[in-house]
Amino acid sequence: MNADLNEPDVDLDDAPTGVRPRRKGIYILPNLFTLAALFGGFYAVVMAMNGRFEQSAIGIFCAMVLDSLDGRVARMTNTQSAFGEQMDSLSDMVSFGAAPALIVYEWALRGLDKLGWIAAFVYCSGAALRLARFNTNISVVDKRYFQGLPSPAAAALVLGLIWVADDQGVRDIATAPSLHWLRWLSFGFTLYAGLTMVTNVPFYSFKDVSFKRTVPFVVIVAIALGFAVISYHPPTVLFSVFVAYGLSGYLVYAWKKFKGRPVSVIATSTDEPDEEGLHR
């Protein structure tokens, strides 16, 4: 017999004997943004396989925008779920972990033989470790800061370099003898991004920025000017912004050290043995 369509949801542990529990559904709206971000990462890899690295960079930057929206949409519509959190982490690993590593390897690092794929692996493993640490420390970290460079910003550092070079007409990086210096520059950017993701350096998260508050008129003017500057030459402007952000954490760290303030973003006490080493 067909089950009553109006019966309430029943948990597996609480379901009476002989009653088939209703399976929990999935919220569509926030997961559509997550899937779109995942598609951006997949699209970027496909474009790199076809030698279209500018499109690869655009795909990753679009994935960044979509990734920044899915969580906000979930909170605004009260559609947060454990499934969405896991889906978001898996999407981030593909779009900002595996995809940038594969793209930069295909673009330049394969010209460095073993050192090239080692650097790409360091980046990929750094992204995985950073995401795992983020998921486990989410309840104890100061919300105003990220613990280490966030993976989307790390991807923007690597793909931004590729986008700028490709926009300037620089091609065949991995094989051109005259561009050996650019291969080593890519090597340095990849290692820097990968290792900075797993440091304890604090990077401002912008999570305390509320879109529900009133702001002075000049803020809206500044935002409009920001869009105008980015549209003037997106590769150079976006790359410059993320280079500055990628250095900002170390500047904040040095400033706090100089002022004698705590540099850790862990917000809990140090009394528990399991927390040893988290506050250094």
Protein backbone atom coordinates (compact mmCIF):
# COMPACT_ATOMS: atom_id res chain seq x y z
CA MET A 1 0.00 0.00 0.00
CA ASN A 2 1.14 3.58 -0.65
CA ALA A 3 2.28 5.57 2.36
CA ASP A 4 0.21 8.55 3.46
CA LEU A 5 1.71 11.60 1.68
CA ASN A 6 0.86 13.82 4.65
CA GLU A 7 2.54 11.75 7.34
CA PRO A 8 5.26 13.61 9.34
CA ASP A 9 8.97 12.91 9.02
CA VAL A 10 10.14 10.10 11.28
CA ASP A 11 13.73 9.62 12.43
CA LEU A 12 15.23 6.16 12.03
CA ASP A 13 15.88 5.80 15.79
CA ASP A 14 12.37 6.89 16.77
CA ALA A 15 10.39 5.04 14.09
CA PRO A 16 7.90 2.52 15.49
CA THR A 17 8.27 -1.10 14.45
CA GLY A 18 6.75 -1.70 11.01
CA VAL A 19 6.63 2.01 10.06
CA ARG A 20 8.83 3.03 7.15
CA PRO A 21 10.69 6.27 8.04
CA ARG A 22 10.57 9.17 5.61
CA ARG A 23 13.93 10.12 4.12
CA LYS A 24 15.12 13.65 4.67
CA GLY A 25 15.17 15.88 1.62
CA ILE A 26 17.87 18.22 0.29
CA TYR A 27 17.57 21.98 0.05
CA ILE A 28 17.81 22.98 -3.60
CA LEU A 29 18.78 26.66 -3.57
CA PRO A 30 22.13 26.68 -1.67
CA ASN A 31 23.22 23.40 -3.23
CA LEU A 32 22.59 24.83 -6.71
CA PHE A 33 25.24 27.47 -5.97
CA THR A 34 27.59 24.76 -4.68
CA LEU A 35 27.07 22.64 -7.79
CA ALA A 36 27.65 25.68 -9.98
CA ALA A 37 30.95 26.33 -8.16
CA LEU A 38 31.89 22.68 -8.68
CA PHE A 39 31.12 23.05 -12.37
CA GLY A 40 33.42 26.09 -12.50
CA GLY A 41 36.32 23.99 -11.22
CA PHE A 42 35.56 21.12 -13.59
CA TYR A 43 35.21 23.53 -16.52
CA ALA A 44 38.59 25.06 -15.64
CA VAL A 45 40.32 21.68 -15.83
CA VAL A 46 38.70 20.84 -19.15
CA MET A 47 39.75 24.19 -20.61
CA ALA A 48 43.34 23.64 -19.40
CA MET A 49 43.42 20.26 -21.11
CA ASN A 50 42.57 22.09 -24.33
CA GLY A 51 45.20 24.78 -23.78
CA ARG A 52 42.67 27.55 -23.04
CA PHE A 53 44.16 28.80 -19.80
CA GLU A 54 42.39 32.16 -19.80
CA GLN A 55 39.07 30.32 -19.68
CA SER A 56 40.47 28.14 -16.89
CA ALA A 57 41.22 31.20 -14.80
CA ILE A 58 37.78 32.67 -15.46
CA GLY A 59 36.18 29.38 -14.42
CA ILE A 60 38.02 29.37 -11.08
CA PHE A 61 37.20 33.02 -10.36
CA CYS A 62 33.53 32.37 -11.14
CA ALA A 63 33.64 29.38 -8.78
CA MET A 64 35.00 31.70 -6.08
CA VAL A 65 32.05 34.05 -6.45
CA LEU A 66 29.55 31.20 -6.34
CA ASP A 67 31.28 29.60 -3.36
CA SER A 68 31.03 32.86 -1.42
CA LEU A 69 27.28 32.98 -2.08
CA ASP A 70 26.11 29.47 -1.18
CA GLY A 71 26.70 29.84 2.56
CA ARG A 72 25.14 33.32 2.67
CA VAL A 73 22.12 32.11 0.71
CA ALA A 74 21.71 29.17 3.09
CA ARG A 75 21.82 31.45 6.14
CA MET A 76 19.50 34.06 4.62
CA THR A 77 16.92 31.43 3.65
CA ASN A 78 17.45 29.30 6.79
CA THR A 79 18.34 26.26 4.66
CA GLN A 80 21.60 25.19 6.34
CA SER A 81 22.16 21.45 6.50
CA ALA A 82 24.88 18.91 7.23
CA PHE A 83 24.59 17.72 3.64
CA GLY A 84 25.24 21.24 2.36
CA GLU A 85 28.33 21.59 4.55
CA GLN A 86 29.81 18.34 3.24
CA MET A 87 28.90 19.20 -0.33
CA ASP A 88 30.57 22.59 0.02
CA SER A 89 33.81 21.04 1.30
CA LEU A 90 33.94 18.53 -1.54
CA SER A 91 33.26 21.25 -4.08
CA ASP A 92 36.02 23.41 -2.59
CA MET A 93 38.49 20.54 -2.77
CA VAL A 94 37.82 20.10 -6.49
CA SER A 95 37.58 23.76 -7.50
CA PHE A 96 40.27 25.25 -5.24
CA GLY A 97 42.45 22.22 -4.50
CA ALA A 98 42.76 19.68 -7.29
CA ALA A 99 41.83 21.97 -10.21
CA PRO A 100 44.43 24.74 -9.60
CA ALA A 101 47.15 22.12 -8.97
CA LEU A 102 46.40 20.34 -12.25
CA ILE A 103 46.07 23.57 -14.22
CA VAL A 104 49.34 25.12 -13.02
CA TYR A 105 51.13 21.83 -13.61
CA GLU A 106 49.85 21.67 -17.18
CA TRP A 107 50.62 25.36 -17.75
CA ALA A 108 54.17 25.55 -16.40
CA LEU A 109 55.25 23.03 -13.77
CA ARG A 110 55.52 20.03 -16.07
CA GLY A 111 58.55 21.80 -17.50
CA LEU A 112 60.32 21.32 -14.14
CA ASP A 113 59.99 17.52 -14.15
CA LYS A 114 59.74 16.04 -10.64
CA LEU A 115 59.94 19.38 -8.87
CA GLY A 116 56.90 20.50 -10.86
CA TRP A 117 54.57 17.74 -9.81
CA ILE A 118 55.90 17.85 -6.24
CA ALA A 119 54.95 21.54 -6.02
CA ALA A 120 51.52 20.77 -7.48
CA PHE A 121 51.03 17.99 -4.93
CA VAL A 122 52.11 20.24 -2.05
CA TYR A 123 49.43 22.70 -3.13
CA CYS A 124 46.76 19.99 -3.51
CA SER A 125 47.56 18.37 -0.15
CA GLY A 126 47.70 21.79 1.51
CA ALA A 127 44.18 22.52 0.30
CA ALA A 128 42.93 19.16 1.61
CA LEU A 129 44.57 19.65 5.01
CA ARG A 130 43.29 23.21 5.25
CA LEU A 131 39.71 22.19 4.51
CA ALA A 132 39.87 19.30 6.99
CA ARG A 133 41.25 21.60 9.70
CA PHE A 134 38.61 24.23 8.92
CA ASN A 135 35.81 21.69 9.34
CA THR A 136 37.15 20.39 12.66
CA ASN A 137 38.07 23.79 14.15
CA ILE A 138 34.99 25.69 12.99
CA SER A 139 33.52 25.86 16.50
CA VAL A 140 36.65 27.22 18.20
CA VAL A 141 38.10 29.66 15.65
CA ASP A 142 37.54 33.41 15.87
CA LYS A 143 34.99 34.08 13.12
CA ARG A 144 36.70 37.32 12.13
CA TYR A 145 39.76 35.47 10.84
CA PHE A 146 40.66 32.41 8.80
CA GLN A 147 43.30 30.07 10.18
CA GLY A 148 45.70 30.09 7.24
CA LEU A 149 45.07 31.32 3.72
CA PRO A 150 41.57 30.27 2.55
CA SER A 151 41.65 27.88 -0.40
CA PRO A 152 39.73 30.19 -2.81
CA ALA A 153 42.32 32.94 -2.25
CA ALA A 154 45.13 30.42 -2.74
CA ALA A 155 43.57 29.36 -6.04
CA ALA A 156 43.27 33.02 -7.05
CA LEU A 157 47.01 33.52 -6.46
CA VAL A 158 47.93 30.62 -8.73
CA LEU A 159 45.31 31.16 -11.42
CA GLY A 160 45.72 34.94 -11.31
CA LEU A 161 49.35 34.59 -12.37
CA ILE A 162 48.29 32.34 -15.23
CA TRP A 163 45.55 34.76 -16.29
CA VAL A 164 47.87 37.77 -16.32
CA ALA A 165 50.55 35.94 -18.32
CA ASP A 166 48.05 34.54 -20.80
CA ASP A 167 46.48 37.97 -21.22
CA GLN A 168 49.92 39.32 -22.16
CA GLY A 169 50.21 36.69 -24.89
CA VAL A 170 52.69 34.46 -23.05
CA ARG A 171 52.14 30.90 -24.28
CA ASP A 172 53.87 27.48 -24.08
CA ILE A 173 55.36 28.19 -20.66
CA ALA A 174 56.23 24.57 -19.92
CA THR A 175 58.41 24.09 -23.01
CA ALA A 176 59.80 27.52 -24.02
CA PRO A 177 63.51 27.81 -23.02
CA SER A 178 63.28 31.60 -22.74
CA LEU A 179 60.50 31.37 -20.14
CA HIS A 180 62.35 29.23 -17.63
CA TRP A 181 62.14 32.10 -15.10
CA LEU A 182 58.34 32.08 -15.36
CA ARG A 183 58.25 28.37 -14.60
CA TRP A 184 60.20 29.02 -11.40
CA LEU A 185 57.94 31.95 -10.55
CA SER A 186 54.94 29.62 -10.92
CA PHE A 187 56.77 27.09 -8.75
CA GLY A 188 57.23 29.74 -6.05
CA PHE A 189 53.61 30.93 -6.17
CA THR A 190 52.33 27.35 -6.00
CA LEU A 191 54.47 26.46 -2.97
CA TYR A 192 53.67 29.73 -1.23
CA ALA A 193 49.92 29.26 -1.68
CA GLY A 194 50.00 25.59 -0.66
CA LEU A 195 52.10 26.10 2.47
CA THR A 196 50.33 29.29 3.57
CA MET A 197 47.03 27.41 3.61
CA VAL A 198 48.29 25.19 6.46
CA THR A 199 49.90 27.90 8.59
CA ASN A 200 48.30 29.46 11.67
CA VAL A 201 48.62 32.95 10.17
CA PRO A 202 45.35 34.94 10.58
CA PHE A 203 43.65 36.20 7.43
CA TYR A 204 40.66 38.52 7.74
CA SER A 205 37.47 36.63 6.84
CA PHE A 206 35.04 39.55 6.21
CA LYS A 207 32.38 37.46 7.99
CA ASP A 208 31.55 40.30 10.35
CA VAL A 209 30.44 42.43 7.39
CA SER A 210 26.64 42.64 7.51
CA PHE A 211 24.57 43.51 4.46
CA LYS A 212 21.61 44.36 6.68
CA ARG A 213 23.22 47.41 8.28
CA THR A 214 22.95 50.92 6.97
CA VAL A 215 26.17 52.41 5.58
CA PRO A 216 27.27 55.93 4.58
CA PHE A 217 26.64 56.93 0.98
CA VAL A 218 30.38 57.04 0.32
CA VAL A 219 30.57 53.27 0.81
CA ILE A 220 28.23 52.70 -2.15
CA VAL A 221 30.33 55.11 -4.23
CA ALA A 222 33.48 53.19 -3.28
CA ILE A 223 31.88 49.89 -4.29
CA ALA A 224 30.86 51.35 -7.66
CA LEU A 225 34.41 52.62 -8.20
CA GLY A 226 35.73 49.19 -7.27
CA PHE A 227 33.63 47.54 -9.96
CA ALA A 228 34.81 50.15 -12.46
CA VAL A 229 38.48 49.51 -11.63
CA ILE A 230 38.06 45.74 -11.90
CA SER A 231 36.28 46.03 -15.25
CA TYR A 232 39.12 48.18 -16.62
CA HIS A 233 41.49 45.19 -16.66
CA PRO A 234 40.21 42.19 -14.64
CA PRO A 235 43.34 39.95 -14.80
CA THR A 236 45.77 42.54 -13.42
CA VAL A 237 43.40 44.10 -10.87
CA LEU A 238 42.13 40.81 -9.43
CA PHE A 239 45.61 39.32 -9.30
CA SER A 240 46.93 42.41 -7.50
CA VAL A 241 44.07 42.29 -4.98
CA PHE A 242 44.72 38.65 -4.11
CA VAL A 243 48.49 39.11 -3.93
CA ALA A 244 47.85 41.88 -1.39
CA TYR A 245 45.43 39.63 0.51
CA GLY A 246 47.89 36.73 0.37
CA LEU A 247 50.49 38.93 2.11
CA SER A 248 48.07 40.60 4.52
CA GLY A 249 47.98 37.68 6.94
CA TYR A 250 51.71 37.85 7.57
CA LEU A 251 51.47 41.61 8.07
CA VAL A 252 48.68 41.12 10.63
CA TYR A 253 50.75 38.39 12.32
CA ALA A 254 53.83 40.64 12.51
CA TRP A 255 51.78 43.59 13.79
CA LYS A 256 50.19 41.53 16.58
CA LYS A 257 53.58 40.13 17.54
CA PHE A 258 55.02 43.63 17.63
CA LYS A 259 52.16 44.83 19.85
CA GLY A 260 52.39 41.79 22.10
CA ARG A 261 48.88 40.65 21.28
CA PRO A 262 47.76 37.01 20.85
CA VAL A 263 48.25 35.90 17.24
CA SER A 264 46.21 32.70 17.41
CA VAL A 265 42.70 32.61 15.96
CA ILE A 266 41.72 29.75 18.29
CA ALA A 267 39.16 31.21 20.68
CA THR A 268 39.18 28.54 23.42
CA SER A 269 41.32 28.12 26.51
CA THR A 270 44.68 26.32 26.55
CA ASP A 271 43.87 24.19 29.57
CA GLU A 272 42.78 21.10 27.64
CA PRO A 273 45.57 18.70 26.56
CA ASP A 274 43.99 18.28 23.10
CA GLU A 275 44.50 21.99 22.43
CA GLU A 276 48.24 21.94 23.04
CA GLY A 277 50.07 23.64 20.17
CA LEU A 278 46.98 25.28 18.65
CA HIS A 279 47.73 28.68 20.14
CA ARG A 280 51.31 29.12 18.96
